[in-house]
C-alpha atoms as a PDB file:
ATOM      1  CA  MET A   1       0.224  76.561  -0.071  1.00  0.00           C
ATOM      2  CA  ARG A   2      -2.531  75.604  -2.629  1.00  0.00           C
ATOM      3  CA  LYS A   3      -6.112  76.012  -1.723  1.00  0.00           C
ATOM      4  CA  GLY A   4      -7.630  72.535  -0.560  1.00  0.00           C
ATOM      5  CA  PHE A   5      -4.251  70.964   0.095  1.00  0.00           C
ATOM      6  CA  THR A   6      -3.361  70.753   3.647  1.00  0.00           C
ATOM      7  CA  PRO A   7      -0.635  69.175   5.971  1.00  0.00           C
ATOM      8  CA  PHE A   8      -3.336  66.498   6.980  1.00  0.00           C
ATOM      9  CA  ALA A   9      -3.653  65.565   3.233  1.00  0.00           C
ATOM     10  CA  LEU A  10       0.108  65.291   2.803  1.00  0.00           C
ATOM     11  CA  VAL A  11       0.506  63.045   5.764  1.00  0.00           C
ATOM     12  CA  LEU A  12      -2.630  60.795   4.878  1.00  0.00           C
ATOM     13  CA  SER A  13      -1.277  60.167   1.702  1.00  0.00           C
ATOM     14  CA  GLY A  14       2.273  59.501   2.972  1.00  0.00           C
ATOM     15  CA  LEU A  15       0.491  56.844   5.327  1.00  0.00           C
ATOM     16  CA  MET A  16      -1.497  55.292   2.371  1.00  0.00           C
ATOM     17  CA  PHE A  17       1.816  54.895   0.339  1.00  0.00           C
ATOM     18  CA  ALA A  18       3.673  53.400   3.476  1.00  0.00           C
ATOM     19  CA  GLY A  19       0.838  50.970   3.959  1.00  0.00           C
ATOM     20  CA  ALA A  20       1.053  49.733   0.415  1.00  0.00           C
ATOM     21  CA  ALA A  21       4.962  49.489   0.344  1.00  0.00           C
ATOM     22  CA  GLU A  22       4.701  47.387   3.612  1.00  0.00           C
ATOM     23  CA  ALA A  23       2.006  45.206   2.391  1.00  0.00           C
ATOM     24  CA  ARG A  24       3.918  43.354  -0.081  1.00  0.00           C
ATOM     25  CA  ASP A  25       4.607  39.836   1.491  1.00  0.00           C
ATOM     26  CA  THR A  26       6.310  37.647  -1.313  1.00  0.00           C
ATOM     27  CA  THR A  27       6.846  33.900  -0.302  1.00  0.00           C
ATOM     28  CA  HIS A  28      10.256  32.406  -1.509  1.00  0.00           C
ATOM     29  CA  MET A  29      11.149  28.789  -1.505  1.00  0.00           C
ATOM     30  CA  LEU A  30      14.850  29.080  -1.494  1.00  0.00           C
ATOM     31  CA  SER A  31      18.093  26.714  -1.149  1.00  0.00           C
ATOM     32  CA  VAL A  32      19.300  25.740   2.294  1.00  0.00           C
ATOM     33  CA  GLN A  33      22.376  24.695   0.553  1.00  0.00           C
ATOM     34  CA  ASP A  34      23.088  28.063  -0.782  1.00  0.00           C
ATOM     35  CA  VAL A  35      22.638  29.729   2.614  1.00  0.00           C
ATOM     36  CA  MET A  36      25.012  27.317   4.126  1.00  0.00           C
ATOM     37  CA  ALA A  37      27.745  27.855   1.422  1.00  0.00           C
ATOM     38  CA  THR A  38      28.007  31.427   2.088  1.00  0.00           C
ATOM     39  CA  ALA A  39      31.077  32.863   3.756  1.00  0.00           C
ATOM     40  CA  ASP A  40      28.844  34.443   6.485  1.00  0.00           C
ATOM     41  CA  ALA A  41      27.533  31.030   7.473  1.00  0.00           C
ATOM     42  CA  LYS A  42      30.913  29.413   7.459  1.00  0.00           C
ATOM     43  CA  ALA A  43      32.026  32.199   9.672  1.00  0.00           C
ATOM     44  CA  LYS A  44      29.305  32.208  12.043  1.00  0.00           C
ATOM     45  CA  LEU A  45      27.965  28.421  12.201  1.00  0.00           C
ATOM     46  CA  ASP A  46      29.940  26.211  14.732  1.00  0.00           C
ATOM     47  CA  PRO A  47      30.766  23.331  12.517  1.00  0.00           C
ATOM     48  CA  SER A  48      30.473  20.930  15.537  1.00  0.00           C
ATOM     49  CA  ILE A  49      26.648  21.467  15.539  1.00  0.00           C
ATOM     50  CA  LYS A  50      24.725  19.710  12.808  1.00  0.00           C
ATOM     51  CA  PHE A  51      21.703  21.192  11.091  1.00  0.00           C
ATOM     52  CA  VAL A  52      19.365  18.468   9.722  1.00  0.00           C
ATOM     53  CA  PHE A  53      16.420  19.459   7.800  1.00  0.00           C
ATOM     54  CA  ALA A  54      13.161  17.487   7.442  1.00  0.00           C
ATOM     55  CA  ASP A  55      13.374  13.798   7.499  1.00  0.00           C
ATOM     56  CA  ALA A  56      17.164  13.738   6.415  1.00  0.00           C
ATOM     57  CA  PRO A  57      19.168  11.019   8.073  1.00  0.00           C
ATOM     58  CA  HIS A  58      21.208  11.890  11.152  1.00  0.00           C
ATOM     59  CA  GLY A  59      22.216   9.196  13.318  1.00  0.00           C
ATOM     60  CA  LYS A  60      21.279   7.894  16.769  1.00  0.00           C
ATOM     61  CA  VAL A  61      19.534  10.409  19.056  1.00  0.00           C
ATOM     62  CA  LEU A  62      21.154   9.822  22.752  1.00  0.00           C
ATOM     63  CA  LYS A  63      19.116  12.634  24.195  1.00  0.00           C
ATOM     64  CA  ARG A  64      16.277  14.981  23.249  1.00  0.00           C
ATOM     65  CA  HIS A  65      16.373  18.419  24.645  1.00  0.00           C
ATOM     66  CA  GLY A  66      13.205  19.770  23.168  1.00  0.00           C
ATOM     67  CA  ASN A  67      11.419  21.321  20.313  1.00  0.00           C
ATOM     68  CA  PHE A  68      12.183  25.186  19.668  1.00  0.00           C
ATOM     69  CA  VAL A  69      11.031  27.630  17.408  1.00  0.00           C
ATOM     70  CA  THR A  70      12.836  30.743  16.152  1.00  0.00           C
ATOM     71  CA  ASN A  71      11.126  33.758  14.085  1.00  0.00           C
ATOM     72  CA  LYS A  72      13.618  36.213  12.741  1.00  0.00           C
ATOM     73  CA  LYS A  73      13.052  39.419  10.740  1.00  0.00           C
ATOM     74  CA  THR A  74      15.403  41.548   8.969  1.00  0.00           C
ATOM     75  CA  ASN A  75      15.699  44.912   7.430  1.00  0.00           C
ATOM     76  CA  ALA A  76      15.204  44.300   3.597  1.00  0.00           C
ATOM     77  CA  PHE A  77      15.307  47.866   2.519  1.00  0.00           C
ATOM     78  CA  GLY A  78      17.805  48.298  -0.242  1.00  0.00           C
ATOM     79  CA  LYS A  79      18.590  44.491  -0.640  1.00  0.00           C
ATOM     80  CA  SER A  80      17.286  42.013  -3.026  1.00  0.00           C
ATOM     81  CA  ASP A  81      14.678  39.448  -1.604  1.00  0.00           C
ATOM     82  CA  GLN A  82      17.395  36.815  -2.053  1.00  0.00           C
ATOM     83  CA  GLN A  83      20.101  38.881  -0.151  1.00  0.00           C
ATOM     84  CA  ALA A  84      17.610  39.587   2.582  1.00  0.00           C
ATOM     85  CA  CYS A  85      16.276  35.951   2.711  1.00  0.00           C
ATOM     86  CA  GLN A  86      19.788  34.683   2.940  1.00  0.00           C
ATOM     87  CA  TRP A  87      20.687  37.101   5.800  1.00  0.00           C
ATOM     88  CA  VAL A  88      17.490  36.300   7.984  1.00  0.00           C
ATOM     89  CA  MET A  89      17.880  32.673   7.306  1.00  0.00           C
ATOM     90  CA  LEU A  90      21.448  32.658   8.726  1.00  0.00           C
ATOM     91  CA  SER A  91      20.210  34.618  11.665  1.00  0.00           C
ATOM     92  CA  ALA A  92      17.543  31.964  12.456  1.00  0.00           C
ATOM     93  CA  LEU A  93      20.148  29.329  12.341  1.00  0.00           C
ATOM     94  CA  ILE A  94      22.367  31.047  14.524  1.00  0.00           C
ATOM     95  CA  SER A  95      19.415  31.298  16.915  1.00  0.00           C
ATOM     96  CA  LEU A  96      18.899  27.542  16.866  1.00  0.00           C
ATOM     97  CA  GLN A  97      22.641  27.077  17.036  1.00  0.00           C
ATOM     98  CA  ASP A  98      22.476  29.411  20.450  1.00  0.00           C
ATOM     99  CA  ARG A  99      19.686  27.110  21.635  1.00  0.00           C
ATOM    100  CA  VAL A 100      21.592  24.008  20.946  1.00  0.00           C
ATOM    101  CA  LYS A 101      24.517  25.493  22.978  1.00  0.00           C
ATOM    102  CA  ALA A 102      22.392  26.475  25.882  1.00  0.00           C
ATOM    103  CA  GLU A 103      20.469  23.043  26.076  1.00  0.00           C
ATOM    104  CA  GLY A 104      23.881  21.181  25.907  1.00  0.00           C
ATOM    105  CA  GLY A 105      23.239  19.450  22.735  1.00  0.00           C
ATOM    106  CA  ASN A 106      24.869  19.095  19.331  1.00  0.00           C
ATOM    107  CA  ALA A 107      22.426  19.013  16.909  1.00  0.00           C
ATOM    108  CA  VAL A 108      18.987  20.358  15.571  1.00  0.00           C
ATOM    109  CA  VAL A 109      17.053  17.679  13.550  1.00  0.00           C
ATOM    110  CA  ASN A 110      13.663  17.879  11.809  1.00  0.00           C
ATOM    111  CA  ILE A 111      14.258  21.211  10.933  1.00  0.00           C
ATOM    112  CA  GLU A 112      11.177  22.847   9.201  1.00  0.00           C
ATOM    113  CA  SER A 113      10.007  25.953   8.101  1.00  0.00           C
ATOM    114  CA  TYR A 114       7.268  27.607  10.480  1.00  0.00           C
ATOM    115  CA  TYR A 115       6.100  30.828   8.968  1.00  0.00           C
ATOM    116  CA  LYS A 116       2.974  31.970  10.898  1.00  0.00           C
ATOM    117  CA  GLN A 117       2.850  28.567  12.396  1.00  0.00           C
ATOM    118  CA  GLN A 118       2.514  26.816   9.299  1.00  0.00           C
ATOM    119  CA  PRO A 119       5.005  23.880   8.713  1.00  0.00           C
ATOM    120  CA  MET A 120       6.649  23.616   5.348  1.00  0.00           C
ATOM    121  CA  VAL A 121       8.951  20.473   5.231  1.00  0.00           C
ATOM    122  CA  SER A 122      11.820  20.146   2.925  1.00  0.00           C
ATOM    123  CA  ARG A 123      15.284  18.672   3.129  1.00  0.00           C
ATOM    124  CA  THR A 124      16.366  21.157   0.510  1.00  0.00           C
ATOM    125  CA  GLU A 125      14.226  24.344   0.785  1.00  0.00           C
ATOM    126  CA  TYR A 126      13.251  26.931   3.335  1.00  0.00           C
ATOM    127  CA  GLU A 127      10.438  29.399   3.271  1.00  0.00           C
ATOM    128  CA  CYS A 128      11.111  33.076   3.422  1.00  0.00           C
ATOM    129  CA  HIS A 129       8.711  35.890   3.320  1.00  0.00           C
ATOM    130  CA  ALA A 130       9.867  39.444   2.054  1.00  0.00           C
ATOM    131  CA  GLY A 131       8.224  42.666   1.820  1.00  0.00           C
ATOM    132  CA  ALA A 132       9.546  46.216   0.727  1.00  0.00           C
ATOM    133  CA  ILE A 133      10.978  46.653   4.307  1.00  0.00           C
ATOM    134  CA  MET A 134      11.303  43.635   5.999  1.00  0.00           C
ATOM    135  CA  ALA A 135      11.907  39.792   5.345  1.00  0.00           C
ATOM    136  CA  GLY A 136      11.018  36.832   7.838  1.00  0.00           C
ATOM    137  CA  VAL A 137      12.028  33.394   8.433  1.00  0.00           C
ATOM    138  CA  ALA A 138      10.822  31.105  11.155  1.00  0.00           C
ATOM    139  CA  LEU A 139      12.011  27.619  11.762  1.00  0.00           C
ATOM    140  CA  ARG A 140      11.222  24.854  14.140  1.00  0.00           C
ATOM    141  CA  GLY A 141      13.262  22.044  15.127  1.00  0.00           C
ATOM    142  CA  ASP A 142      14.469  19.465  17.788  1.00  0.00           C
ATOM    143  CA  VAL A 143      17.506  20.193  19.811  1.00  0.00           C
ATOM    144  CA  VAL A 144      19.168  16.626  20.286  1.00  0.00           C
ATOM    145  CA  THR A 145      22.485  15.109  21.362  1.00  0.00           C
ATOM    146  CA  LEU A 146      23.574  12.777  18.543  1.00  0.00           C
ATOM    147  CA  GLU A 147      25.905   9.836  18.915  1.00  0.00           C
ATOM    148  CA  LYS A 148      29.165  10.738  17.490  1.00  0.00           C
END
């Protein structure tokens, strides 16, 4: 081993590099429709459950079951930001879908991005944060029963 170069220095430099790699937090505004059109979404989202973003029209609410938040992360390593974001958005929608089923509703309305508890309201886009290792999406919405 070279003089002055210790295993401690190697570990320390590795930790500094890992910290820098993890520090990336790129905000993406991506299309809700692009996620909903994927084969995975069509296979995993129940077509009897309606997902309504922002203030889009949704019909008469018969019963309100509550406002719920989901905060999902996924491994982004080896994926493009868009791939990781679509995957984690689908995971967040599945989480809301599970809540709808547990509460006895048939829809989630007023869905908004809620990353770090900061609302971002859009009918067409969701907010995703991507780093070197992880990507995350947080959503908030009202679980309801809509008139059929």
